[in-house]
Amino acid sequence: MICGFCGTANPDDEHRCLRCARRLRSGNARRAPEIYPLRSSAVRALAPQPAEPDSPADTRPEAAKEPMAPVQPSLFSASDLPRVIPFEALVGRLAKRSKGNQKSSGKGASKPAGPSAQQAFYFEETAPPELVRYCDAPVARLIHRVTAATLDASLILIACGIFVLVQYFGPWQVIPSAQVLPYYAASSGFFLFLYKLLWCLAGTDSPGMRWIDLRLLNFDGHPPTQSQRLQRLVFGCFSVLPAGLGLYWAIVDEETLSWHDHMSRTFVTPKDAR
């Protein structure tokens, strides 16, 4: 199946493009055969042919004009006839061979001719494979995804804020300044990564997504595996590093998917969506 966006050839059973991960819509994208331009050979075939000269008239009398019976030509030439083996001779030869085998094996009574019994095959009963269906669940709205991400980030920011207040009012008297602010920002990002990694290893959605009633699915409509969640986390870092360009891509994307959605083949959808 040809992708209508990037033109990549994909297998017939694939529902999304292997290159751009967009939905493959069934349909004949080529022009109908009836509007193809006619080739020169077809034009010559459709051109009127000159009339053939009439055959000489039959001059026989009316009584001699009798309908001729159709004649079937021979299937074998004269040179092929010696190589044709009659079926009766073949059957007799096989019967003599079977009798000779019975005498050589010492069996007095001959077994009745007939097809040999087919041995029965027994297969172990296995559970039917899990059906993989094409996912028609809608993608969650951008405002819902941003809200869930903000709730997750706020938990880390609150924890970092408590740590700074303890340092400020504690016996160390660490005063935040412009020199230490980059270290605090880097520490917050590192702890946010560890926070996301914890829920990926647990194989479940983060609290922010659960509070907004969102869930994570793969492109086949099933909950993602642990490896898919880890891939989404790693690819999410690639979406954030270039000034968040991978996240802004969801605004112009056809299905409002970001870079890490396409690369990990997962997306966020409402829980009540089927």
Foldseek 3Di string as FASTA:
>chain_A
DADPPPRDDDDPPDQADPPQRHGDDDDDPDDDPVPDDDDPVVVVVPDDDDDDDDDDDDPDDPVPDDDDDDDDDDPDDPVCVVVDDDPVVVVVVVVVVQVVVCVVVPHDDDDDDDDDDDDDDDDDDDDDDDDQAFDPFAFDDPVLVVQLVVVLLVVLVVVLVVVVVCCCPDPNNDDDDPVCVVVSVVVSVVVSLVQLLVVLVVLADDPSCVVSQKGKDARRGHRDHSVLSVQLSVVVCVCPVVVNVQQVVLVVDPRSHGRSCRVSRMGMGGNPTD
